[in-house]
Amino acid sequence: MASGGHIQGLSEEATCSICLDYFKNPMTIDCGHNFCQACLNQCWGESNTDPSCPQCRETIQQRIFRPNRQLANLVQLVKTLQEGKEEAASPFSKNDQTPIYVEYDRSRGHPARDVCPMEEASQQYKEKIKAYLRYLKKEREKLMNQQFSEEQGKQEYLTQLEMEKQKAGSAFERMQEFLVEKQHLWLSQLEDLGKEMEKKHEENLAKLSEEISQLNELIAEMEGKCLQPASEILQDIRDALSRCEKNLIEHVVDLFPRPEERLRVFTQKNSTLEKATENYKESLEQVLRADYLKQALNKANVTLDPDTAHPLLILSRDLNSVRRVQREQNLPDNPERFDMMPFVLGCERFTSGRHWWEVDVWRKATWAVGVATESVRKKGHIDINPHEGIWAMGKPPCYSPSPCQFLAFTSPRPTDLTLRREPRKIRVALDYEGGCVEFFDADTGEFIFTFHLGSFYGERIRPFLQVCCDVSLKC
């Protein structure tokens, strides 16, 4: 007869890892693991996506499983061995949670209510173990889903980052091509102007040389006249004097127009070009600055909505700040008011555009700032996370299980934030069409965290604050 240890080993091999009972109609899937047919159908459901093995998580391309007759025979054999096993109903101490063997020192004794048959105790603890296993497997499933989601999110982030790098590179390349094109055009125009100036000067020099040559001939002729005797000087004297008078009147040569005026225009354009280049550099540097987003978005003058404030929160007269007190105020329990959580919403409702505002959080003990949907729950306990319609970051209480001083309230668990310093003000930036909520250190412009939602699905978005531990916040 097989020993108890061997039967136990066979029992484990004959047990389904989903229902933790003996296989019923066992089926084998592609990865080689076995499960009850009913367990597989229930686990995989009717999803259109490729299923995965419940044990090793390997993706199964097709929903094909084959009956495992050998395993079914083994199950029957194990059941037969279990039924034929002659095992005395050894007593079991519920108080000590140990079996009571024959060798046990009977002098210690056990109350009757503390003793039960070992088989009965084994079955009870087996049920407890199964319950624990079901819980542990659910937790494992959650963690594996979270791991998959994290890996997928990482890949999406890297893909988006690579796309942004390509966009930036393409923008600079287009900018460079534009500048090179304009540089070649500008230098070509200056080159053409230089050639034109040289040509005009050569033509003018040639014309001046011709005029000088004519004057030299006339001077030589007049000098010759002066040396002639009186009878010869008077011959053709009228024509000679006429030629002299004509040259005296037209001594200024009619030269071709010079291109100096066009050069002056180019000089003025170059001066303007230098200024435009400086402005262009300043504009580019401004875009690349960390606080450019602040200037690119529309500043929202946030005021707080008293109808939403928890009774422990008191708003200032100008509705720009809020503080927490020890005793609840006697306020009407209207549908818009938070009745359990120390929350308050802003009056502003955003349905489009890009906006930003700042909240003073300097040396506050516990706080949270961000945005929330107008339809966020107002009654009962509310966790701060995107599933509740709240996208926020903040400083958790000192008794928080997180070792980090600041958190982004992501789901299913908050994300620890590592900041270079404790911020004085938090800038909240909302891009409605882009489905994005970002947080910055308002003084340094340093980026802190971003929520990428994709879309707000037409929801009205409002500023959100949490105030705890008798502290105040100011917008």
Protein backbone atom coordinates (compact mmCIF):
# COMPACT_ATOMS: atom_id res chain seq x y z
CA MET A 1 0.00 0.00 0.00
CA ALA A 2 1.28 3.47 -0.82
CA SER A 3 2.54 5.49 2.12
CA GLY A 4 0.77 8.64 3.33
CA GLY A 5 3.50 10.87 1.88
CA HIS A 6 3.21 9.28 -1.55
CA ILE A 7 -0.57 9.60 -1.51
CA GLN A 8 -0.21 13.25 -0.52
CA GLY A 9 2.12 13.82 -3.45
CA LEU A 10 -0.27 12.12 -5.85
CA SER A 11 -3.14 14.18 -4.42
CA GLU A 12 -1.28 17.39 -5.17
CA GLU A 13 -0.62 16.27 -8.74
CA ALA A 14 -4.32 15.42 -9.12
CA THR A 15 -5.49 18.83 -7.81
CA CYS A 16 -6.62 21.75 -10.03
CA SER A 17 -4.77 24.98 -9.19
CA ILE A 18 -7.92 27.04 -9.78
CA CYS A 19 -10.57 25.29 -7.69
CA LEU A 20 -8.01 23.49 -5.44
CA ASP A 21 -10.01 20.26 -5.72
CA TYR A 22 -9.48 17.03 -7.64
CA PHE A 23 -9.59 17.49 -11.41
CA LYS A 24 -13.02 17.13 -12.97
CA ASN A 25 -12.78 16.43 -16.70
CA PRO A 26 -9.12 17.63 -16.82
CA MET A 27 -7.98 19.55 -19.92
CA THR A 28 -4.45 20.34 -21.18
CA ILE A 29 -3.65 23.73 -22.81
CA ASP A 30 -0.75 24.68 -25.11
CA CYS A 31 1.70 25.53 -22.34
CA GLY A 32 1.28 22.04 -20.82
CA HIS A 33 -0.65 22.93 -17.66
CA ASN A 34 -3.89 21.16 -16.72
CA PHE A 35 -7.17 22.52 -15.36
CA CYS A 36 -10.78 21.47 -14.94
CA GLN A 37 -12.79 22.18 -18.06
CA ALA A 38 -15.36 24.17 -16.08
CA CYS A 39 -12.60 26.17 -14.36
CA LEU A 40 -11.03 27.11 -17.73
CA ASN A 41 -14.38 28.20 -19.18
CA GLN A 42 -15.10 30.32 -16.11
CA CYS A 43 -11.58 31.81 -16.02
CA TRP A 44 -11.39 32.72 -19.69
CA GLY A 45 -14.99 33.87 -20.02
CA GLU A 46 -16.17 35.32 -23.32
CA SER A 47 -13.45 37.96 -23.82
CA ASN A 48 -12.31 38.57 -27.41
CA THR A 49 -8.68 38.96 -26.39
CA ASP A 50 -6.21 36.09 -26.35
CA PRO A 51 -6.45 34.28 -23.01
CA SER A 52 -3.47 33.43 -20.81
CA CYS A 53 -2.59 30.44 -18.68
CA PRO A 54 -3.94 30.98 -15.12
CA GLN A 55 -0.76 29.41 -13.74
CA CYS A 56 2.23 30.62 -15.84
CA ARG A 57 0.49 33.60 -17.57
CA GLU A 58 1.68 32.50 -21.01
CA THR A 59 -0.58 33.86 -23.75
CA ILE A 60 -2.68 31.18 -25.47
CA GLN A 61 -3.15 32.11 -29.11
CA GLN A 62 -6.22 29.89 -29.61
CA ARG A 63 -8.87 28.75 -27.15
CA ILE A 64 -8.03 25.09 -27.72
CA PHE A 65 -7.68 22.55 -24.91
CA ARG A 66 -7.50 18.77 -25.11
CA PRO A 67 -8.86 16.14 -22.67
CA ASN A 68 -6.14 14.54 -20.54
CA ARG A 69 -7.43 10.98 -20.06
CA GLN A 70 -4.26 9.80 -18.32
CA LEU A 71 -4.67 12.52 -15.71
CA ALA A 72 -8.35 11.63 -15.31
CA ASN A 73 -7.33 8.01 -14.64
CA LEU A 74 -4.74 9.21 -12.13
CA VAL A 75 -7.42 11.19 -10.29
CA GLN A 76 -9.60 8.08 -10.00
CA LEU A 77 -6.61 6.09 -8.73
CA VAL A 78 -5.81 8.71 -6.08
CA LYS A 79 -9.43 8.77 -4.95
CA THR A 80 -9.40 4.97 -4.64
CA LEU A 81 -6.18 5.05 -2.61
CA GLN A 82 -7.65 7.75 -0.34
CA GLU A 83 -10.82 5.72 0.23
CA GLY A 84 -8.87 2.51 0.89
CA LYS A 85 -6.42 4.13 3.25
CA GLU A 86 -6.90 2.86 6.76
CA GLU A 87 -6.14 5.84 8.86
CA ALA A 88 -7.08 6.01 12.47
CA ALA A 89 -8.99 9.11 13.48
CA SER A 90 -6.14 10.45 15.49
CA PRO A 91 -7.16 13.19 17.86
CA PHE A 92 -6.08 16.77 17.21
CA SER A 93 -5.60 19.58 19.76
CA LYS A 94 -7.33 22.74 18.54
CA ASN A 95 -5.66 24.74 21.29
CA ASP A 96 -2.10 23.64 20.47
CA GLN A 97 -2.93 23.18 16.77
CA THR A 98 -0.94 19.91 16.78
CA PRO A 99 -1.91 16.21 16.44
CA ILE A 100 -2.08 14.17 19.67
CA TYR A 101 0.04 11.05 19.08
CA VAL A 102 0.16 7.90 21.16
CA GLU A 103 3.58 8.91 22.40
CA TYR A 104 2.13 12.13 23.70
CA ASP A 105 2.51 12.66 27.45
CA ARG A 106 -1.03 11.97 28.62
CA SER A 107 -0.26 13.58 31.98
CA ARG A 108 -0.70 17.01 30.34
CA GLY A 109 -4.23 16.17 29.30
CA HIS A 110 -6.58 18.07 26.95
CA PRO A 111 -10.14 19.30 27.63
CA ALA A 112 -12.78 17.44 25.65
CA ARG A 113 -13.84 20.59 23.86
CA ASP A 114 -10.24 21.07 22.66
CA VAL A 115 -9.95 17.66 20.98
CA CYS A 116 -11.38 16.65 17.61
CA PRO A 117 -10.59 13.89 15.08
CA MET A 118 -7.55 14.61 12.94
CA GLU A 119 -9.50 14.09 9.72
CA GLU A 120 -12.06 16.69 10.81
CA ALA A 121 -9.33 19.17 11.79
CA SER A 122 -7.49 18.48 8.54
CA GLN A 123 -10.59 19.26 6.51
CA GLN A 124 -11.19 22.50 8.42
CA TYR A 125 -7.65 23.70 7.92
CA LYS A 126 -7.73 22.61 4.31
CA GLU A 127 -10.72 24.88 3.76
CA LYS A 128 -8.86 27.74 5.45
CA ILE A 129 -5.80 27.08 3.31
CA LYS A 130 -7.97 27.08 0.19
CA ALA A 131 -9.46 30.41 1.20
CA TYR A 132 -5.98 31.84 1.73
CA LEU A 133 -4.86 30.45 -1.61
CA ARG A 134 -7.82 32.01 -3.39
CA TYR A 135 -7.00 35.36 -1.77
CA LEU A 136 -3.28 35.06 -2.56
CA LYS A 137 -4.01 34.16 -6.17
CA LYS A 138 -6.31 37.16 -6.51
CA GLU A 139 -3.58 39.37 -5.10
CA ARG A 140 -1.08 37.81 -7.48
CA GLU A 141 -3.48 38.45 -10.33
CA LYS A 142 -3.79 42.10 -9.29
CA LEU A 143 -0.02 42.53 -9.06
CA MET A 144 0.54 40.83 -12.41
CA ASN A 145 -2.08 43.07 -14.01
CA GLN A 146 -0.43 46.07 -12.40
CA GLN A 147 2.95 44.88 -13.65
CA PHE A 148 1.56 44.49 -17.15
CA SER A 149 -0.04 47.93 -16.95
CA GLU A 150 3.23 49.44 -15.71
CA GLU A 151 5.20 47.83 -18.54
CA GLN A 152 2.62 48.98 -21.05
CA GLY A 153 2.67 52.49 -19.59
CA LYS A 154 6.47 52.53 -19.75
CA GLN A 155 6.40 51.51 -23.39
CA GLU A 156 3.76 54.14 -24.21
CA TYR A 157 5.82 56.76 -22.39
CA LEU A 158 9.00 55.81 -24.27
CA THR A 159 7.12 55.79 -27.58
CA GLN A 160 5.66 59.23 -26.91
CA LEU A 161 9.06 60.52 -25.79
CA GLU A 162 10.65 59.26 -29.01
CA MET A 163 7.89 60.93 -31.04
CA GLU A 164 8.49 64.23 -29.24
CA LYS A 165 12.24 63.92 -29.89
CA GLN A 166 11.53 63.38 -33.57
CA LYS A 167 9.17 66.38 -33.61
CA ALA A 168 11.79 68.58 -31.96
CA GLY A 169 14.49 67.36 -34.33
CA SER A 170 12.24 67.93 -37.33
CA ALA A 171 11.32 71.44 -36.14
CA PHE A 172 14.99 72.41 -35.76
CA GLU A 173 15.83 70.87 -39.15
CA ARG A 174 13.05 72.86 -40.84
CA MET A 175 14.25 75.96 -39.04
CA GLN A 176 17.81 75.33 -40.19
CA GLU A 177 16.72 74.68 -43.79
CA PHE A 178 14.71 77.91 -43.78
CA LEU A 179 17.65 79.92 -42.45
CA VAL A 180 20.11 78.36 -44.93
CA GLU A 181 17.72 79.08 -47.80
CA LYS A 182 17.31 82.73 -46.75
CA GLN A 183 21.05 83.02 -46.19
CA HIS A 184 21.81 81.84 -49.73
CA LEU A 185 19.17 84.17 -51.19
CA TRP A 186 20.45 87.15 -49.22
CA LEU A 187 24.11 86.55 -50.03
CA SER A 188 23.23 85.96 -53.69
CA GLN A 189 21.48 89.33 -53.86
CA LEU A 190 24.50 91.03 -52.29
CA GLU A 191 26.77 89.21 -54.75
CA ASP A 192 24.65 90.41 -57.70
CA LEU A 193 24.72 93.94 -56.32
CA GLY A 194 28.50 93.80 -56.08
CA LYS A 195 28.83 92.68 -59.70
CA GLU A 196 26.40 95.37 -60.83
CA MET A 197 28.32 98.05 -58.91
CA GLU A 198 31.61 96.92 -60.45
CA LYS A 199 30.13 96.99 -63.95
CA LYS A 200 28.63 100.47 -63.52
CA HIS A 201 31.91 101.85 -62.16
CA GLU A 202 33.83 100.38 -65.13
CA GLU A 203 31.38 101.95 -67.58
CA ASN A 204 31.63 105.31 -65.83
CA LEU A 205 35.44 105.13 -65.80
CA ALA A 206 35.43 104.38 -69.53
CA LYS A 207 33.15 107.35 -70.20
CA LEU A 208 35.30 109.64 -68.06
CA SER A 209 38.43 108.48 -69.92
CA GLU A 210 36.78 109.28 -73.25
CA GLU A 211 35.79 112.77 -72.07
CA ILE A 212 39.29 113.41 -70.71
CA SER A 213 40.77 112.34 -74.05
CA GLN A 214 38.50 114.78 -75.90
CA LEU A 215 39.48 117.58 -73.52
CA ASN A 216 43.15 116.77 -74.01
CA GLU A 217 42.70 117.10 -77.76
CA LEU A 218 40.90 120.44 -77.35
CA ILE A 219 43.59 121.72 -74.96
CA ALA A 220 46.33 120.72 -77.41
CA GLU A 221 44.44 122.47 -80.22
CA MET A 222 44.01 125.67 -78.16
CA GLU A 223 47.65 125.65 -77.10
CA GLY A 224 48.61 125.35 -80.77
CA LYS A 225 46.36 128.32 -81.62
CA CYS A 226 48.16 130.41 -79.04
CA LEU A 227 51.50 129.77 -80.78
CA GLN A 228 50.21 130.76 -84.25
CA PRO A 229 50.90 134.21 -85.77
CA ALA A 230 48.14 136.79 -85.57
CA SER A 231 46.93 136.20 -89.13
CA GLU A 232 46.43 132.47 -88.52
CA ILE A 233 44.91 132.80 -85.02
CA LEU A 234 41.98 134.68 -86.47
CA GLN A 235 41.24 131.94 -88.94
CA ASP A 236 38.42 129.65 -87.64
CA ILE A 237 38.59 131.51 -84.32
CA ARG A 238 34.77 131.46 -84.04
CA ASP A 239 34.60 127.63 -84.27
CA ALA A 240 37.49 127.18 -81.82
CA LEU A 241 35.90 129.47 -79.23
CA SER A 242 32.55 127.80 -79.76
CA ARG A 243 34.05 124.36 -78.97
CA CYS A 244 35.69 125.76 -75.80
CA GLU A 245 32.46 127.39 -74.62
CA LYS A 246 30.58 124.17 -75.25
CA ASN A 247 33.02 122.15 -73.12
CA LEU A 248 32.89 124.77 -70.39
CA ILE A 249 29.12 124.37 -70.17
CA GLU A 250 29.08 120.53 -70.36
CA HIS A 251 32.17 119.77 -68.27
CA VAL A 252 30.14 117.54 -65.93
CA VAL A 253 29.94 114.11 -67.54
CA ASP A 254 26.50 112.48 -67.54
CA LEU A 255 27.51 109.22 -65.80
CA PHE A 256 25.37 106.10 -65.43
CA PRO A 257 23.42 106.10 -62.13
CA ARG A 258 25.43 104.49 -59.30
CA PRO A 259 23.93 101.67 -57.09
CA GLU A 260 24.98 103.29 -53.80
CA GLU A 261 21.31 103.87 -52.95
CA ARG A 262 20.59 100.17 -53.29
CA LEU A 263 23.60 99.41 -51.09
CA ARG A 264 22.20 101.79 -48.46
CA VAL A 265 18.90 99.88 -48.59
CA PHE A 266 20.75 96.60 -48.06
CA THR A 267 22.62 98.11 -45.12
CA GLN A 268 19.34 99.09 -43.51
CA LYS A 269 17.96 95.60 -44.17
CA ASN A 270 21.03 94.02 -42.57
CA SER A 271 20.50 96.11 -39.46
CA THR A 272 16.88 95.00 -39.35
CA LEU A 273 18.01 91.41 -39.94
CA GLU A 274 20.33 91.56 -36.93
CA LYS A 275 17.50 92.79 -34.72
CA ALA A 276 15.16 90.11 -36.08
CA THR A 277 17.80 87.45 -35.33
CA GLU A 278 18.10 88.63 -31.74
CA ASN A 279 14.31 88.61 -31.36
CA TYR A 280 14.20 85.17 -32.96
CA LYS A 281 16.78 83.85 -30.47
CA GLU A 282 14.87 85.36 -27.56
CA SER A 283 11.61 83.82 -28.77
CA LEU A 284 13.24 80.41 -29.17
CA GLU A 285 14.88 80.58 -25.76
CA GLN A 286 11.54 81.61 -24.26
CA VAL A 287 9.84 78.55 -25.76
CA LEU A 288 12.55 76.27 -24.34
CA ARG A 289 12.40 77.81 -20.86
CA ALA A 290 10.93 75.70 -18.08
CA ASP A 291 8.24 78.27 -17.23
CA TYR A 292 7.10 78.76 -20.83
CA LEU A 293 3.98 76.70 -20.10
CA LYS A 294 2.97 79.26 -17.49
CA GLN A 295 3.06 82.02 -20.11
CA ALA A 296 1.48 79.88 -22.85
CA LEU A 297 -1.56 79.00 -20.76
CA ASN A 298 -4.33 81.25 -19.52
CA LYS A 299 -4.04 82.15 -15.85
CA ALA A 300 -7.23 81.30 -13.98
CA ASN A 301 -8.27 83.46 -11.04
CA VAL A 302 -9.45 80.61 -8.87
CA THR A 303 -12.06 81.24 -6.19
CA LEU A 304 -13.41 78.54 -3.88
CA ASP A 305 -17.01 77.36 -3.88
CA PRO A 306 -18.50 77.58 -0.32
CA ASP A 307 -21.35 75.25 -1.29
CA THR A 308 -18.86 72.38 -1.73
CA ALA A 309 -16.68 73.00 1.37
CA HIS A 310 -16.73 70.40 4.16
CA PRO A 311 -18.19 71.80 7.43
CA LEU A 312 -14.70 71.75 8.99
CA LEU A 313 -13.40 74.17 6.33
CA ILE A 314 -13.77 77.95 6.60
CA LEU A 315 -13.31 80.09 3.47
CA SER A 316 -12.00 83.64 3.47
CA ARG A 317 -14.29 86.51 2.46
CA ASP A 318 -12.63 86.83 -0.93
CA LEU A 319 -12.94 83.01 -1.38
CA ASN A 320 -9.23 82.78 -2.20
CA SER A 321 -8.09 80.83 0.87
CA VAL A 322 -9.37 78.07 3.13
CA ARG A 323 -8.47 76.80 6.60
CA ARG A 324 -9.53 73.87 8.74
CA VAL A 325 -10.99 74.18 12.24
CA GLN A 326 -11.63 71.70 15.05
CA ARG A 327 -15.43 71.92 15.26
CA GLU A 328 -17.86 71.50 12.38
CA GLN A 329 -19.92 74.50 11.36
CA ASN A 330 -23.69 74.32 11.23
CA LEU A 331 -24.08 74.33 7.45
CA PRO A 332 -26.87 72.99 5.22
CA ASP A 333 -26.18 69.48 3.94
CA ASN A 334 -26.75 70.39 0.30
CA PRO A 335 -25.98 67.81 -2.44
CA GLU A 336 -22.85 69.69 -3.54
CA ARG A 337 -21.17 69.65 -0.11
CA PHE A 338 -18.52 67.08 0.91
CA ASP A 339 -19.84 65.57 4.13
CA MET A 340 -16.96 63.30 5.23
CA MET A 341 -13.76 64.36 3.44
CA PRO A 342 -12.07 67.78 4.03
CA PHE A 343 -12.38 68.75 0.36
CA VAL A 344 -13.44 71.92 -1.46
CA LEU A 345 -13.83 72.67 -5.17
CA GLY A 346 -13.13 75.85 -7.11
CA CYS A 347 -15.98 77.87 -8.60
CA GLU A 348 -14.40 77.75 -12.07
CA ARG A 349 -15.67 75.09 -14.48
CA PHE A 350 -13.40 74.31 -17.44
CA THR A 351 -14.74 72.66 -20.58
CA SER A 352 -12.01 73.72 -23.03
CA GLY A 353 -8.67 75.48 -23.33
CA ARG A 354 -5.44 75.48 -21.34
CA HIS A 355 -5.30 77.08 -17.90
CA TRP A 356 -3.06 77.35 -14.83
CA TRP A 357 -3.26 78.56 -11.24
CA GLU A 358 -1.02 78.40 -8.18
CA VAL A 359 -1.64 77.27 -4.59
CA ASP A 360 0.45 78.31 -1.59
CA VAL A 361 1.50 75.13 0.26
CA TRP A 362 4.59 76.36 2.11
CA ARG A 363 5.26 74.35 5.29
CA LYS A 364 1.73 72.95 5.38
CA ALA A 365 1.43 69.65 7.26
CA THR A 366 -0.94 67.75 4.98
CA TRP A 367 -2.50 68.89 1.71
CA ALA A 368 -3.53 67.91 -1.79
CA VAL A 369 -4.12 70.08 -4.87
CA GLY A 370 -5.28 69.30 -8.38
CA VAL A 371 -8.51 69.03 -10.35
CA ALA A 372 -11.73 67.04 -10.06
CA THR A 373 -14.77 66.43 -12.21
CA GLU A 374 -17.91 68.34 -11.27
CA SER A 375 -19.69 64.99 -10.89
CA VAL A 376 -17.21 63.69 -8.29
CA ARG A 377 -18.91 61.99 -5.32
CA LYS A 378 -19.56 64.33 -2.41
CA LYS A 379 -20.91 61.96 0.21
CA GLY A 380 -19.11 59.32 2.25
CA HIS A 381 -15.47 58.26 2.17
CA ILE A 382 -13.68 59.22 -1.06
CA ASP A 383 -10.18 58.16 -2.08
CA ILE A 384 -8.11 60.67 -4.02
CA ASN A 385 -7.38 58.93 -7.34
CA PRO A 386 -8.39 59.12 -11.02
CA HIS A 387 -11.03 56.38 -10.61
CA GLU A 388 -12.95 58.75 -8.32
CA GLY A 389 -12.55 61.61 -10.81
CA ILE A 390 -9.73 63.38 -8.91
CA TRP A 391 -6.23 64.05 -10.30
CA ALA A 392 -4.03 65.50 -7.58
CA MET A 393 -0.66 65.49 -5.83
CA GLY A 394 0.13 66.40 -2.26
CA LYS A 395 1.81 65.83 1.06
CA PRO A 396 0.47 62.80 2.99
CA PRO A 397 0.02 62.77 6.76
CA CYS A 398 2.96 61.78 8.96
CA TYR A 399 1.34 58.41 9.73
CA SER A 400 1.08 57.52 6.03
CA PRO A 401 2.59 54.11 5.12
CA SER A 402 4.51 55.76 2.27
CA PRO A 403 8.09 56.70 3.21
CA CYS A 404 8.02 59.52 0.66
CA GLN A 405 7.21 63.08 1.67
CA PHE A 406 5.18 63.85 -1.48
CA LEU A 407 2.82 61.69 -3.53
CA ALA A 408 0.98 61.74 -6.83
CA PHE A 409 -2.37 60.14 -6.10
CA THR A 410 -2.38 57.64 -8.95
CA SER A 411 -4.38 54.41 -9.12
CA PRO A 412 -4.33 51.68 -7.86
CA ARG A 413 -1.55 53.00 -5.58
CA PRO A 414 -0.02 56.48 -5.11
CA THR A 415 3.28 57.26 -6.80
CA ASP A 416 6.19 58.47 -4.67
CA LEU A 417 7.65 61.81 -5.80
CA THR A 418 11.25 62.86 -5.29
CA LEU A 419 11.56 66.66 -5.16
CA ARG A 420 14.79 68.63 -4.84
CA ARG A 421 13.22 70.87 -2.23
CA GLU A 422 9.94 71.44 -0.48
CA PRO A 423 7.89 73.70 -2.76
CA ARG A 424 6.38 76.97 -1.59
CA LYS A 425 3.77 77.06 -4.32
CA ILE A 426 2.38 74.40 -6.62
CA ARG A 427 1.36 75.39 -10.15
CA VAL A 428 -1.49 73.29 -11.53
CA ALA A 429 -1.67 73.29 -15.36
CA LEU A 430 -4.75 71.94 -17.15
CA ASP A 431 -4.88 71.16 -20.88
CA TYR A 432 -8.50 70.20 -21.47
CA GLU A 433 -8.30 69.16 -25.13
CA GLY A 434 -5.03 67.33 -24.49
CA GLY A 435 -6.49 65.50 -21.48
CA CYS A 436 -3.49 66.45 -19.38
CA VAL A 437 -2.96 67.69 -15.81
CA GLU A 438 0.57 68.78 -14.85
CA PHE A 439 2.20 70.01 -11.64
CA PHE A 440 5.21 72.33 -11.27
CA ASP A 441 7.19 74.05 -8.55
CA ALA A 442 5.86 77.56 -9.18
CA ASP A 443 9.07 79.31 -8.02
CA THR A 444 11.59 77.28 -10.03
CA GLY A 445 9.40 76.03 -12.89
CA GLU A 446 10.64 72.51 -12.13
CA PHE A 447 8.35 69.79 -13.47
CA ILE A 448 6.89 67.49 -10.79
CA PHE A 449 4.31 65.11 -12.29
CA THR A 450 1.77 64.72 -15.09
CA PHE A 451 -1.47 62.79 -15.53
CA HIS A 452 -2.14 61.79 -19.15
CA LEU A 453 -5.87 61.09 -19.40
CA GLY A 454 -6.38 61.20 -23.14
CA SER A 455 -9.80 62.81 -22.73
CA PHE A 456 -12.10 64.29 -20.10
CA TYR A 457 -15.11 62.97 -22.07
CA GLY A 458 -16.98 66.28 -21.91
CA GLU A 459 -16.82 66.52 -18.10
CA ARG A 460 -16.66 69.89 -16.40
CA ILE A 461 -13.32 70.15 -14.60
CA ARG A 462 -12.91 72.19 -11.40
CA PRO A 463 -9.95 73.08 -9.15
CA PHE A 464 -9.63 70.72 -6.15
CA LEU A 465 -8.12 71.18 -2.66
CA GLN A 466 -7.77 68.96 0.38
CA VAL A 467 -7.03 70.68 3.70
CA CYS A 468 -6.06 68.65 6.78
CA CYS A 469 -4.51 68.99 10.22
CA ASP A 470 -5.58 72.56 11.00
CA VAL A 471 -3.67 74.12 8.11
CA SER A 472 -4.72 76.60 5.45
CA LEU A 473 -4.19 76.85 1.70
CA LYS A 474 -4.33 79.91 -0.51
CA CYS A 475 -5.00 80.10 -4.25
